[in-house]
C-alpha atoms as a PDB file:
ATOM      1  CA  MET A   1      -8.392  24.234  10.421  1.00  0.00           C
ATOM      2  CA  THR A   2      -4.792  23.065  10.013  1.00  0.00           C
ATOM      3  CA  PRO A   3      -3.864  20.093   7.744  1.00  0.00           C
ATOM      4  CA  ASN A   4      -2.996  18.044  10.842  1.00  0.00           C
ATOM      5  CA  SER A   5      -6.328  18.743  12.516  1.00  0.00           C
ATOM      6  CA  GLN A   6      -8.140  17.907   9.279  1.00  0.00           C
ATOM      7  CA  GLU A   7      -6.419  14.552   9.102  1.00  0.00           C
ATOM      8  CA  ALA A   8      -7.170  13.860  12.768  1.00  0.00           C
ATOM      9  CA  ARG A   9     -10.850  14.552  12.092  1.00  0.00           C
ATOM     10  CA  TRP A  10     -10.911  12.141   9.131  1.00  0.00           C
ATOM     11  CA  ARG A  11      -9.135   9.441  11.113  1.00  0.00           C
ATOM     12  CA  GLU A  12     -11.425   9.798  14.123  1.00  0.00           C
ATOM     13  CA  ALA A  13     -14.520   9.591  11.934  1.00  0.00           C
ATOM     14  CA  LEU A  14     -13.104   6.538  10.173  1.00  0.00           C
ATOM     15  CA  GLU A  15     -12.314   4.668  13.385  1.00  0.00           C
ATOM     16  CA  GLN A  16     -15.810   5.375  14.730  1.00  0.00           C
ATOM     17  CA  ALA A  17     -17.430   4.200  11.496  1.00  0.00           C
ATOM     18  CA  LEU A  18     -15.255   1.082  11.369  1.00  0.00           C
ATOM     19  CA  ALA A  19     -16.126   0.182  14.959  1.00  0.00           C
ATOM     20  CA  GLY A  20     -19.810   0.731  14.230  1.00  0.00           C
ATOM     21  CA  PHE A  21     -19.671  -1.409  11.097  1.00  0.00           C
ATOM     22  CA  LEU A  22     -17.931  -4.290  12.897  1.00  0.00           C
ATOM     23  CA  LYS A  23     -20.548  -4.301  15.680  1.00  0.00           C
ATOM     24  CA  THR A  24     -22.856  -5.956  13.160  1.00  0.00           C
ATOM     25  CA  TYR A  25     -20.405  -8.856  13.044  1.00  0.00           C
ATOM     26  CA  PRO A  26     -19.450  -9.478  16.692  1.00  0.00           C
ATOM     27  CA  ALA A  27     -16.741 -11.972  17.557  1.00  0.00           C
ATOM     28  CA  SER A  28     -16.253 -14.285  20.491  1.00  0.00           C
ATOM     29  CA  ALA A  29     -12.959 -15.716  21.673  1.00  0.00           C
ATOM     30  CA  ALA A  30     -13.820 -19.071  20.106  1.00  0.00           C
ATOM     31  CA  ASP A  31     -14.901 -17.548  16.797  1.00  0.00           C
ATOM     32  CA  GLY A  32     -12.600 -18.298  13.884  1.00  0.00           C
ATOM     33  CA  LEU A  33     -14.467 -16.252  11.275  1.00  0.00           C
ATOM     34  CA  TYR A  34     -15.062 -12.715  12.564  1.00  0.00           C
ATOM     35  CA  ALA A  35     -12.569 -12.696  15.447  1.00  0.00           C
ATOM     36  CA  PRO A  36      -9.574 -12.649  13.055  1.00  0.00           C
ATOM     37  CA  ILE A  37     -11.067  -9.620  11.308  1.00  0.00           C
ATOM     38  CA  HIS A  38     -11.502  -7.721  14.571  1.00  0.00           C
ATOM     39  CA  TYR A  39      -7.984  -8.768  15.579  1.00  0.00           C
ATOM     40  CA  LEU A  40      -6.252  -7.685  12.368  1.00  0.00           C
ATOM     41  CA  LEU A  41      -8.032  -4.334  12.234  1.00  0.00           C
ATOM     42  CA  SER A  42      -7.186  -3.701  15.893  1.00  0.00           C
ATOM     43  CA  LEU A  43      -3.475  -3.797  15.014  1.00  0.00           C
ATOM     44  CA  GLY A  44      -3.844  -0.358  13.453  1.00  0.00           C
ATOM     45  CA  GLY A  45      -1.947   0.760  10.381  1.00  0.00           C
ATOM     46  CA  LYS A  46      -1.492   3.913   8.357  1.00  0.00           C
ATOM     47  CA  ARG A  47      -5.155   3.998   7.221  1.00  0.00           C
ATOM     48  CA  ILE A  48      -3.990   6.260   4.396  1.00  0.00           C
ATOM     49  CA  ARG A  49      -6.333   4.718   1.806  1.00  0.00           C
ATOM     50  CA  PRO A  50      -9.614   5.367   3.623  1.00  0.00           C
ATOM     51  CA  VAL A  51      -8.428   8.785   4.778  1.00  0.00           C
ATOM     52  CA  LEU A  52      -7.628   9.653   1.169  1.00  0.00           C
ATOM     53  CA  ALA A  53     -11.164   8.698   0.122  1.00  0.00           C
ATOM     54  CA  LEU A  54     -12.658  10.973   2.791  1.00  0.00           C
ATOM     55  CA  ALA A  55     -10.287  13.810   1.964  1.00  0.00           C
ATOM     56  CA  ALA A  56     -10.953  13.680  -1.791  1.00  0.00           C
ATOM     57  CA  CYS A  57     -14.702  13.631  -1.211  1.00  0.00           C
ATOM     58  CA  GLU A  58     -14.591  16.730   0.980  1.00  0.00           C
ATOM     59  CA  ALA A  59     -12.238  18.440  -1.490  1.00  0.00           C
ATOM     60  CA  GLU A  60     -14.946  17.935  -4.129  1.00  0.00           C
ATOM     61  CA  GLY A  61     -17.581  19.490  -1.886  1.00  0.00           C
ATOM     62  CA  GLY A  62     -19.047  16.242  -0.554  1.00  0.00           C
ATOM     63  CA  THR A  63     -19.492  15.047   2.999  1.00  0.00           C
ATOM     64  CA  MET A  64     -17.601  12.359   4.865  1.00  0.00           C
ATOM     65  CA  ASP A  65     -20.843  10.380   5.064  1.00  0.00           C
ATOM     66  CA  ALA A  66     -20.948  10.128   1.272  1.00  0.00           C
ATOM     67  CA  ALA A  67     -17.441   8.676   1.082  1.00  0.00           C
ATOM     68  CA  MET A  68     -17.465   6.584   4.255  1.00  0.00           C
ATOM     69  CA  PRO A  69     -18.734   3.448   2.453  1.00  0.00           C
ATOM     70  CA  SER A  70     -15.773   3.724   0.058  1.00  0.00           C
ATOM     71  CA  ALA A  71     -13.386   4.382   2.936  1.00  0.00           C
ATOM     72  CA  LEU A  72     -14.574   1.307   4.817  1.00  0.00           C
ATOM     73  CA  ALA A  73     -14.464  -0.818   1.667  1.00  0.00           C
ATOM     74  CA  VAL A  74     -10.872   0.023   0.749  1.00  0.00           C
ATOM     75  CA  GLU A  75      -9.660  -0.528   4.319  1.00  0.00           C
ATOM     76  CA  LEU A  76     -11.436  -3.865   4.601  1.00  0.00           C
ATOM     77  CA  PHE A  77     -10.148  -4.925   1.194  1.00  0.00           C
ATOM     78  CA  HIS A  78      -6.585  -3.842   2.012  1.00  0.00           C
ATOM     79  CA  ASN A  79      -6.589  -5.871   5.228  1.00  0.00           C
ATOM     80  CA  PHE A  80      -8.096  -8.853   3.424  1.00  0.00           C
ATOM     81  CA  THR A  81      -5.098  -8.813   1.072  1.00  0.00           C
ATOM     82  CA  LEU A  82      -2.730  -8.601   4.056  1.00  0.00           C
ATOM     83  CA  MET A  83      -4.392 -11.600   5.694  1.00  0.00           C
ATOM     84  CA  HIS A  84      -3.921 -13.721   2.575  1.00  0.00           C
ATOM     85  CA  ASP A  85      -0.485 -12.290   1.710  1.00  0.00           C
ATOM     86  CA  ASP A  86       0.797 -13.334   5.131  1.00  0.00           C
ATOM     87  CA  ILE A  87      -0.200 -16.919   4.357  1.00  0.00           C
ATOM     88  CA  MET A  88       1.568 -16.840   0.986  1.00  0.00           C
ATOM     89  CA  ASP A  89       4.668 -15.290   2.547  1.00  0.00           C
ATOM     90  CA  ALA A  90       4.577 -17.609   5.579  1.00  0.00           C
ATOM     91  CA  ALA A  91       4.953 -14.423   7.651  1.00  0.00           C
ATOM     92  CA  PRO A  92       4.875 -15.001  11.423  1.00  0.00           C
ATOM     93  CA  LEU A  93       4.317 -11.362  12.392  1.00  0.00           C
ATOM     94  CA  ARG A  94       2.186  -8.436  11.251  1.00  0.00           C
ATOM     95  CA  ARG A  95       2.894  -5.071  12.888  1.00  0.00           C
ATOM     96  CA  GLY A  96       4.820  -6.852  15.606  1.00  0.00           C
ATOM     97  CA  ARG A  97       1.981  -9.247  16.477  1.00  0.00           C
ATOM     98  CA  PRO A  98       1.254 -12.838  15.389  1.00  0.00           C
ATOM     99  CA  THR A  99      -0.344 -13.051  11.953  1.00  0.00           C
ATOM    100  CA  VAL A 100      -3.868 -14.425  11.683  1.00  0.00           C
ATOM    101  CA  HIS A 101      -2.816 -17.789  10.239  1.00  0.00           C
ATOM    102  CA  THR A 102      -0.267 -18.134  13.064  1.00  0.00           C
ATOM    103  CA  LYS A 103      -2.742 -17.210  15.803  1.00  0.00           C
ATOM    104  CA  TRP A 104      -5.599 -19.302  14.390  1.00  0.00           C
ATOM    105  CA  SER A 105      -4.798 -21.488  11.354  1.00  0.00           C
ATOM    106  CA  GLU A 106      -4.268 -21.169   7.619  1.00  0.00           C
ATOM    107  CA  ASN A 107      -7.782 -22.442   6.944  1.00  0.00           C
ATOM    108  CA  ALA A 108      -9.250 -19.885   9.341  1.00  0.00           C
ATOM    109  CA  ALA A 109      -7.239 -17.080   7.728  1.00  0.00           C
ATOM    110  CA  ILE A 110      -8.363 -18.095   4.235  1.00  0.00           C
ATOM    111  CA  LEU A 111     -12.036 -18.199   5.176  1.00  0.00           C
ATOM    112  CA  SER A 112     -11.871 -15.090   7.341  1.00  0.00           C
ATOM    113  CA  GLY A 113     -10.155 -13.237   4.514  1.00  0.00           C
ATOM    114  CA  ASP A 114     -12.866 -14.358   2.115  1.00  0.00           C
ATOM    115  CA  VAL A 115     -15.620 -12.983   4.332  1.00  0.00           C
ATOM    116  CA  MET A 116     -13.603  -9.792   4.853  1.00  0.00           C
ATOM    117  CA  TYR A 117     -13.689  -9.217   1.098  1.00  0.00           C
ATOM    118  CA  THR A 118     -17.454  -9.773   1.176  1.00  0.00           C
ATOM    119  CA  LEU A 119     -17.788  -7.225   3.978  1.00  0.00           C
ATOM    120  CA  ALA A 120     -15.936  -4.691   1.822  1.00  0.00           C
ATOM    121  CA  LEU A 121     -18.628  -5.087  -0.835  1.00  0.00           C
ATOM    122  CA  THR A 122     -21.295  -4.900   1.863  1.00  0.00           C
ATOM    123  CA  ALA A 123     -19.855  -1.593   3.064  1.00  0.00           C
ATOM    124  CA  LEU A 124     -20.046  -0.201  -0.480  1.00  0.00           C
ATOM    125  CA  GLU A 125     -23.819  -0.675  -0.500  1.00  0.00           C
ATOM    126  CA  GLY A 126     -24.113   2.592   1.426  1.00  0.00           C
ATOM    127  CA  THR A 127     -22.644   4.653  -1.421  1.00  0.00           C
ATOM    128  CA  PRO A 128     -24.957   7.398  -2.765  1.00  0.00           C
ATOM    129  CA  ALA A 129     -27.181   5.796  -5.418  1.00  0.00           C
ATOM    130  CA  GLU A 130     -26.066   8.011  -8.298  1.00  0.00           C
ATOM    131  CA  ALA A 131     -22.413   7.183  -7.670  1.00  0.00           C
ATOM    132  CA  LEU A 132     -22.740   3.502  -6.746  1.00  0.00           C
ATOM    133  CA  PRO A 133     -22.426   1.975 -10.259  1.00  0.00           C
ATOM    134  CA  ASP A 134     -19.191   3.860 -11.005  1.00  0.00           C
ATOM    135  CA  VAL A 135     -17.739   3.266  -7.543  1.00  0.00           C
ATOM    136  CA  LEU A 136     -18.567  -0.448  -7.640  1.00  0.00           C
ATOM    137  CA  ARG A 137     -17.118  -0.798 -11.135  1.00  0.00           C
ATOM    138  CA  LEU A 138     -13.846   0.852 -10.090  1.00  0.00           C
ATOM    139  CA  PHE A 139     -13.661  -1.207  -6.905  1.00  0.00           C
ATOM    140  CA  ASN A 140     -14.080  -4.451  -8.851  1.00  0.00           C
ATOM    141  CA  VAL A 141     -11.486  -3.516 -11.468  1.00  0.00           C
ATOM    142  CA  THR A 142      -9.067  -2.521  -8.723  1.00  0.00           C
ATOM    143  CA  SER A 143      -9.644  -5.778  -6.815  1.00  0.00           C
ATOM    144  CA  ARG A 144      -8.751  -7.759  -9.917  1.00  0.00           C
ATOM    145  CA  GLU A 145      -5.682  -5.637 -10.626  1.00  0.00           C
ATOM    146  CA  VAL A 146      -4.339  -6.072  -7.085  1.00  0.00           C
ATOM    147  CA  CYS A 147      -4.564  -9.851  -7.542  1.00  0.00           C
ATOM    148  CA  GLU A 148      -2.766  -9.554 -10.885  1.00  0.00           C
ATOM    149  CA  GLY A 149      -0.018  -7.574  -9.187  1.00  0.00           C
ATOM    150  CA  GLN A 150       0.362 -10.175  -6.459  1.00  0.00           C
ATOM    151  CA  GLN A 151       0.602 -12.933  -9.069  1.00  0.00           C
ATOM    152  CA  SER A 152       3.311 -11.015 -10.942  1.00  0.00           C
ATOM    153  CA  ASP A 153       5.229 -10.479  -7.722  1.00  0.00           C
ATOM    154  CA  MET A 154       5.203 -14.219  -7.037  1.00  0.00           C
ATOM    155  CA  ALA A 155       6.131 -15.060 -10.636  1.00  0.00           C
ATOM    156  CA  PHE A 156       9.120 -12.704 -10.509  1.00  0.00           C
ATOM    157  CA  GLU A 157      10.647 -14.832  -7.734  1.00  0.00           C
ATOM    158  CA  ALA A 158      11.322 -17.628 -10.231  1.00  0.00           C
ATOM    159  CA  ARG A 159      12.481 -15.387 -13.093  1.00  0.00           C
ATOM    160  CA  GLN A 160      15.946 -14.070 -13.821  1.00  0.00           C
ATOM    161  CA  ASP A 161      14.943 -11.655 -16.583  1.00  0.00           C
ATOM    162  CA  VAL A 162      12.627  -9.165 -14.845  1.00  0.00           C
ATOM    163  CA  SER A 163      12.938  -5.652 -16.266  1.00  0.00           C
ATOM    164  CA  VAL A 164      12.605  -2.380 -14.392  1.00  0.00           C
ATOM    165  CA  GLU A 165       9.513  -1.584 -16.475  1.00  0.00           C
ATOM    166  CA  GLU A 166       7.908  -4.892 -15.472  1.00  0.00           C
ATOM    167  CA  TYR A 167       8.682  -4.218 -11.835  1.00  0.00           C
ATOM    168  CA  VAL A 168       7.121  -0.743 -11.946  1.00  0.00           C
ATOM    169  CA  GLY A 169       4.070  -2.253 -13.640  1.00  0.00           C
ATOM    170  CA  MET A 170       3.836  -4.846 -10.879  1.00  0.00           C
ATOM    171  CA  ILE A 171       3.964  -2.359  -8.000  1.00  0.00           C
ATOM    172  CA  ARG A 172       1.465  -0.170  -9.835  1.00  0.00           C
ATOM    173  CA  LEU A 173      -1.015  -3.053  -9.705  1.00  0.00           C
ATOM    174  CA  LYS A 174      -0.094  -4.483  -6.315  1.00  0.00           C
ATOM    175  CA  THR A 175       0.102  -1.193  -4.406  1.00  0.00           C
ATOM    176  CA  SER A 176      -0.711   1.958  -6.356  1.00  0.00           C
ATOM    177  CA  VAL A 177      -4.090   1.233  -7.913  1.00  0.00           C
ATOM    178  CA  LEU A 178      -5.760   0.862  -4.513  1.00  0.00           C
ATOM    179  CA  LEU A 179      -4.511   4.281  -3.443  1.00  0.00           C
ATOM    180  CA  ALA A 180      -5.668   5.668  -6.780  1.00  0.00           C
ATOM    181  CA  ALA A 181      -9.069   4.038  -6.454  1.00  0.00           C
ATOM    182  CA  SER A 182      -9.454   5.385  -2.919  1.00  0.00           C
ATOM    183  CA  ALA A 183      -9.079   8.966  -4.117  1.00  0.00           C
ATOM    184  CA  ALA A 184     -11.218   8.417  -7.220  1.00  0.00           C
ATOM    185  CA  MET A 185     -14.014   6.641  -5.331  1.00  0.00           C
ATOM    186  CA  GLY A 186     -14.128   9.427  -2.760  1.00  0.00           C
ATOM    187  CA  ALA A 187     -14.319  12.062  -5.475  1.00  0.00           C
ATOM    188  CA  ARG A 188     -17.033  10.172  -7.361  1.00  0.00           C
ATOM    189  CA  ALA A 189     -19.071   9.777  -4.159  1.00  0.00           C
ATOM    190  CA  ALA A 190     -19.114  13.576  -3.986  1.00  0.00           C
ATOM    191  CA  GLY A 191     -20.480  13.786  -7.540  1.00  0.00           C
ATOM    192  CA  ALA A 192     -17.250  14.781  -9.293  1.00  0.00           C
ATOM    193  CA  SER A 193     -17.153  14.684 -13.111  1.00  0.00           C
ATOM    194  CA  PRO A 194     -15.317  11.867 -14.948  1.00  0.00           C
ATOM    195  CA  GLU A 195     -12.508  14.295 -15.823  1.00  0.00           C
ATOM    196  CA  ARG A 196     -11.964  15.234 -12.205  1.00  0.00           C
ATOM    197  CA  VAL A 197     -12.218  11.623 -11.055  1.00  0.00           C
ATOM    198  CA  ASP A 198      -9.492  10.771 -13.595  1.00  0.00           C
ATOM    199  CA  ALA A 199      -7.236  13.514 -12.216  1.00  0.00           C
ATOM    200  CA  TRP A 200      -7.747  12.181  -8.695  1.00  0.00           C
ATOM    201  CA  TYR A 201      -6.894   8.684  -9.919  1.00  0.00           C
ATOM    202  CA  ARG A 202      -3.657   9.863 -11.553  1.00  0.00           C
ATOM    203  CA  TYR A 203      -2.750  11.714  -8.387  1.00  0.00           C
ATOM    204  CA  GLY A 204      -3.284   8.588  -6.279  1.00  0.00           C
ATOM    205  CA  VAL A 205      -1.473   6.181  -8.574  1.00  0.00           C
ATOM    206  CA  ASN A 206       1.658   8.352  -8.608  1.00  0.00           C
ATOM    207  CA  VAL A 207       1.591   8.800  -4.838  1.00  0.00           C
ATOM    208  CA  GLY A 208       1.333   5.018  -4.601  1.00  0.00           C
ATOM    209  CA  LEU A 209       4.285   4.404  -6.911  1.00  0.00           C
ATOM    210  CA  ALA A 210       6.468   6.824  -4.967  1.00  0.00           C
ATOM    211  CA  PHE A 211       5.290   5.237  -1.704  1.00  0.00           C
ATOM    212  CA  GLN A 212       6.271   1.708  -2.773  1.00  0.00           C
ATOM    213  CA  ILE A 213       9.658   2.749  -4.136  1.00  0.00           C
ATOM    214  CA  GLN A 214      10.353   4.487  -0.829  1.00  0.00           C
ATOM    215  CA  ASP A 215       9.374   1.274   0.974  1.00  0.00           C
ATOM    216  CA  ASP A 216      11.992  -0.574  -1.082  1.00  0.00           C
ATOM    217  CA  TYR A 217      14.536   2.143  -0.352  1.00  0.00           C
ATOM    218  CA  LEU A 218      13.903   2.062   3.403  1.00  0.00           C
ATOM    219  CA  ASP A 219      14.172  -1.722   3.517  1.00  0.00           C
ATOM    220  CA  THR A 220      17.731  -1.380   2.218  1.00  0.00           C
ATOM    221  CA  PHE A 221      18.940   2.012   3.399  1.00  0.00           C
ATOM    222  CA  GLY A 222      16.659   2.811   6.342  1.00  0.00           C
ATOM    223  CA  GLU A 223      17.416   2.564  10.044  1.00  0.00           C
ATOM    224  CA  SER A 224      15.865  -0.414  11.825  1.00  0.00           C
ATOM    225  CA  GLY A 225      14.954   1.749  14.801  1.00  0.00           C
ATOM    226  CA  ALA A 226      12.879   3.985  12.531  1.00  0.00           C
ATOM    227  CA  THR A 227      11.372   1.380  10.216  1.00  0.00           C
ATOM    228  CA  GLY A 228      10.516  -1.046  13.010  1.00  0.00           C
ATOM    229  CA  LYS A 229      11.826  -4.024  11.063  1.00  0.00           C
ATOM    230  CA  GLN A 230      15.102  -5.651  10.094  1.00  0.00           C
ATOM    231  CA  VAL A 231      16.786  -3.552   7.416  1.00  0.00           C
ATOM    232  CA  GLY A 232      18.023  -5.592   4.479  1.00  0.00           C
ATOM    233  CA  GLY A 233      15.220  -8.162   4.385  1.00  0.00           C
ATOM    234  CA  ASP A 234      14.730  -7.682   0.639  1.00  0.00           C
ATOM    235  CA  ILE A 235      18.451  -8.237   0.046  1.00  0.00           C
ATOM    236  CA  LEU A 236      18.532 -11.403   2.144  1.00  0.00           C
ATOM    237  CA  SER A 237      15.627 -12.859   0.137  1.00  0.00           C
ATOM    238  CA  ASP A 238      17.044 -11.731  -3.242  1.00  0.00           C
ATOM    239  CA  LYS A 239      13.864  -9.763  -3.881  1.00  0.00           C
ATOM    240  CA  LYS A 240      13.869  -8.117  -7.300  1.00  0.00           C
ATOM    241  CA  THR A 241      13.186  -4.576  -6.195  1.00  0.00           C
ATOM    242  CA  LEU A 242      13.920  -1.468  -8.236  1.00  0.00           C
ATOM    243  CA  LEU A 243      17.254  -1.204  -6.403  1.00  0.00           C
ATOM    244  CA  TRP A 244      18.201  -4.795  -7.239  1.00  0.00           C
ATOM    245  CA  LEU A 245      17.173  -4.529 -10.904  1.00  0.00           C
ATOM    246  CA  THR A 246      18.962  -1.205 -11.420  1.00  0.00           C
ATOM    247  CA  THR A 247      22.137  -2.673  -9.915  1.00  0.00           C
ATOM    248  CA  GLU A 248      21.793  -5.776 -12.072  1.00  0.00           C
ATOM    249  CA  ALA A 249      21.877  -3.619 -15.207  1.00  0.00           C
ATOM    250  CA  HIS A 250      25.542  -2.756 -14.488  1.00  0.00           C
ATOM    251  CA  ALA A 251      28.206  -5.408 -15.074  1.00  0.00           C
ATOM    252  CA  GLU A 252      30.031  -4.836 -11.786  1.00  0.00           C
ATOM    253  CA  GLY A 253      26.777  -4.714  -9.859  1.00  0.00           C
ATOM    254  CA  ARG A 254      25.508  -7.854 -11.572  1.00  0.00           C
ATOM    255  CA  ASN A 255      28.648  -9.731 -10.558  1.00  0.00           C
ATOM    256  CA  ALA A 256      28.184  -8.693  -6.941  1.00  0.00           C
ATOM    257  CA  LEU A 257      24.534  -9.774  -6.925  1.00  0.00           C
ATOM    258  CA  GLU A 258      25.318 -13.108  -8.569  1.00  0.00           C
ATOM    259  CA  SER A 259      27.979 -13.862  -5.981  1.00  0.00           C
ATOM    260  CA  TRP A 260      25.396 -13.581  -3.197  1.00  0.00           C
ATOM    261  CA  ALA A 261      22.207 -14.728  -4.944  1.00  0.00           C
ATOM    262  CA  GLY A 262      20.823 -17.967  -3.582  1.00  0.00           C
ATOM    263  CA  LYS A 263      22.560 -17.549  -0.246  1.00  0.00           C
ATOM    264  CA  HIS A 264      19.953 -16.999   2.442  1.00  0.00           C
ATOM    265  CA  PRO A 265      21.727 -16.746   5.809  1.00  0.00           C
ATOM    266  CA  ALA A 266      19.628 -16.402   8.938  1.00  0.00           C
ATOM    267  CA  THR A 267      18.798 -12.841   9.935  1.00  0.00           C
ATOM    268  CA  GLY A 268      21.210 -11.429  12.497  1.00  0.00           C
ATOM    269  CA  THR A 269      24.123 -13.707  11.632  1.00  0.00           C
ATOM    270  CA  GLU A 270      27.531 -12.451  10.504  1.00  0.00           C
ATOM    271  CA  GLN A 271      26.959 -13.862   7.028  1.00  0.00           C
ATOM    272  CA  ALA A 272      23.619 -12.052   6.772  1.00  0.00           C
ATOM    273  CA  GLU A 273      25.248  -8.777   7.762  1.00  0.00           C
ATOM    274  CA  ALA A 274      28.033  -9.409   5.234  1.00  0.00           C
ATOM    275  CA  LYS A 275      25.523 -10.027   2.435  1.00  0.00           C
ATOM    276  CA  VAL A 276      23.510  -6.904   3.226  1.00  0.00           C
ATOM    277  CA  ARG A 277      26.654  -4.808   3.444  1.00  0.00           C
ATOM    278  CA  ALA A 278      28.125  -6.110   0.177  1.00  0.00           C
ATOM    279  CA  VAL A 279      24.928  -5.831  -1.841  1.00  0.00           C
ATOM    280  CA  ARG A 280      24.167  -2.391  -0.442  1.00  0.00           C
ATOM    281  CA  GLU A 281      27.642  -1.204  -1.461  1.00  0.00           C
ATOM    282  CA  ALA A 282      27.099  -2.598  -4.965  1.00  0.00           C
ATOM    283  CA  MET A 283      23.789  -0.759  -5.189  1.00  0.00           C
ATOM    284  CA  VAL A 284      25.395   2.545  -4.248  1.00  0.00           C
ATOM    285  CA  LYS A 285      28.238   2.041  -6.765  1.00  0.00           C
ATOM    286  CA  ALA A 286      25.663   1.334  -9.472  1.00  0.00           C
ATOM    287  CA  GLY A 287      23.754   4.495  -8.552  1.00  0.00           C
ATOM    288  CA  ALA A 288      20.647   2.472  -7.727  1.00  0.00           C
ATOM    289  CA  ASP A 289      19.913   4.561  -4.643  1.00  0.00           C
ATOM    290  CA  GLN A 290      19.984   7.780  -6.650  1.00  0.00           C
ATOM    291  CA  GLU A 291      17.889   6.237  -9.420  1.00  0.00           C
ATOM    292  CA  ALA A 292      15.256   5.265  -6.859  1.00  0.00           C
ATOM    293  CA  ARG A 293      15.163   8.784  -5.453  1.00  0.00           C
ATOM    294  CA  CYS A 294      14.891  10.280  -8.954  1.00  0.00           C
ATOM    295  CA  ARG A 295      11.974   8.012  -9.792  1.00  0.00           C
ATOM    296  CA  MET A 296      10.242   8.882  -6.540  1.00  0.00           C
ATOM    297  CA  GLU A 297      10.637  12.587  -7.207  1.00  0.00           C
ATOM    298  CA  ALA A 298       9.316  12.135 -10.752  1.00  0.00           C
ATOM    299  CA  HIS A 299       6.182  10.393  -9.484  1.00  0.00           C
ATOM    300  CA  VAL A 300       5.666  13.084  -6.846  1.00  0.00           C
ATOM    301  CA  ALA A 301       5.915  15.706  -9.595  1.00  0.00           C
ATOM    302  CA  GLU A 302       3.315  13.825 -11.662  1.00  0.00           C
ATOM    303  CA  ALA A 303       1.032  13.581  -8.634  1.00  0.00           C
ATOM    304  CA  LYS A 304       1.294  17.332  -8.071  1.00  0.00           C
ATOM    305  CA  ALA A 305       0.633  17.981 -11.771  1.00  0.00           C
ATOM    306  CA  ALA A 306      -2.591  15.965 -11.581  1.00  0.00           C
ATOM    307  CA  LEU A 307      -3.517  17.856  -8.426  1.00  0.00           C
ATOM    308  CA  ALA A 308      -2.918  21.181 -10.186  1.00  0.00           C
ATOM    309  CA  GLU A 309      -5.527  20.250 -12.796  1.00  0.00           C
ATOM    310  CA  LEU A 310      -8.138  20.234 -10.037  1.00  0.00           C
ATOM    311  CA  HIS A 311      -7.536  23.900  -9.118  1.00  0.00           C
ATOM    312  CA  LEU A 312      -8.257  23.304  -5.446  1.00  0.00           C
ATOM    313  CA  PRO A 313      -8.175  26.184  -2.961  1.00  0.00           C
ATOM    314  CA  GLU A 314      -4.717  26.479  -1.424  1.00  0.00           C
ATOM    315  CA  GLU A 315      -5.875  25.512   2.060  1.00  0.00           C
ATOM    316  CA  VAL A 316      -7.484  22.367   0.624  1.00  0.00           C
ATOM    317  CA  GLY A 317      -4.729  21.371  -1.779  1.00  0.00           C
ATOM    318  CA  SER A 318      -1.943  21.795   0.773  1.00  0.00           C
ATOM    319  CA  TRP A 319      -2.801  18.517   2.529  1.00  0.00           C
ATOM    320  CA  PHE A 320      -2.686  16.544  -0.723  1.00  0.00           C
ATOM    321  CA  GLU A 321       0.594  18.183  -1.757  1.00  0.00           C
ATOM    322  CA  GLY A 322       1.999  17.414   1.679  1.00  0.00           C
ATOM    323  CA  LEU A 323       0.973  13.771   1.386  1.00  0.00           C
ATOM    324  CA  ALA A 324       2.677  13.443  -2.001  1.00  0.00           C
ATOM    325  CA  GLN A 325       5.861  15.033  -0.660  1.00  0.00           C
ATOM    326  CA  HIS A 326       5.800  13.036   2.571  1.00  0.00           C
ATOM    327  CA  VAL A 327       6.215   9.674   0.873  1.00  0.00           C
ATOM    328  CA  THR A 328       9.768  10.517  -0.198  1.00  0.00           C
ATOM    329  CA  SER A 329      10.841  11.923   3.179  1.00  0.00           C
ATOM    330  CA  ARG A 330       9.249   9.434   5.593  1.00  0.00           C
ATOM    331  CA  THR A 331      11.512   7.151   7.606  1.00  0.00           C
ATOM    332  CA  HIS A 332       9.066   4.286   8.199  1.00  0.00           C
END
């Protein structure tokens, strides 16, 4: 079976299980509690977290059934965070469609998100009994860490002294730990030892770090036709990404950022294009783009090192190596 056909099998099984799980919580057009959940999940997404849980479980000799509760839980939790993040960001669109709070209301999105988190815990109840305590413990720790990461991200908006190390710590909590937990929970569901679960966690956290840095890179240097969104959004909002902070560490780059900071022209205007162009040029002069790529490659190398500790058969390990490498070459 090829890596692509393996992934297709995991995704198909996940979608079937997700549809079956949601049937227990049907939604009507007038429903403001479960309908938003069905709606948000119907918008699709990469589904990389639940797929990673299934893949790690099978790599450890388990079955998809053993890891499916973890897969459902991490996908439900991830979408719960998106539902609430969209409120905090006042985002009108999610994957090109109206966000839940726009389509219904902020109150509906808050309550629907709350019950979505509860459903994630409900899904976990199906975890094999011997693995459930460890899986639940990791899920709860991860849930708390994701909230801590979101709080740091919001706090950084009002600070002028954010360091690169603080930023990396923030994206580790906000993004990477859920990927790490997905792999570790899947492995534990298969009965993997603590040492192997730890290796899976380190693999996932480094894939997650590389993934988020690439997201930052694409927002600034990607092509809008490939990313599906307006390139330069982070620049227009003065977001303190790795690229911004690396540029800020250089005197010339700092001057360029300070000359544009606080100016938030409407997207698509000449001034917006001028800001994106000027800041992007400053980032390149400061070597921020190359620094981002170096950090991504370093995290990919660490992910592969953790994977090597597992001594997986080549045909099994190739998918995980490909996933780690893909995050630095993807265009969206």
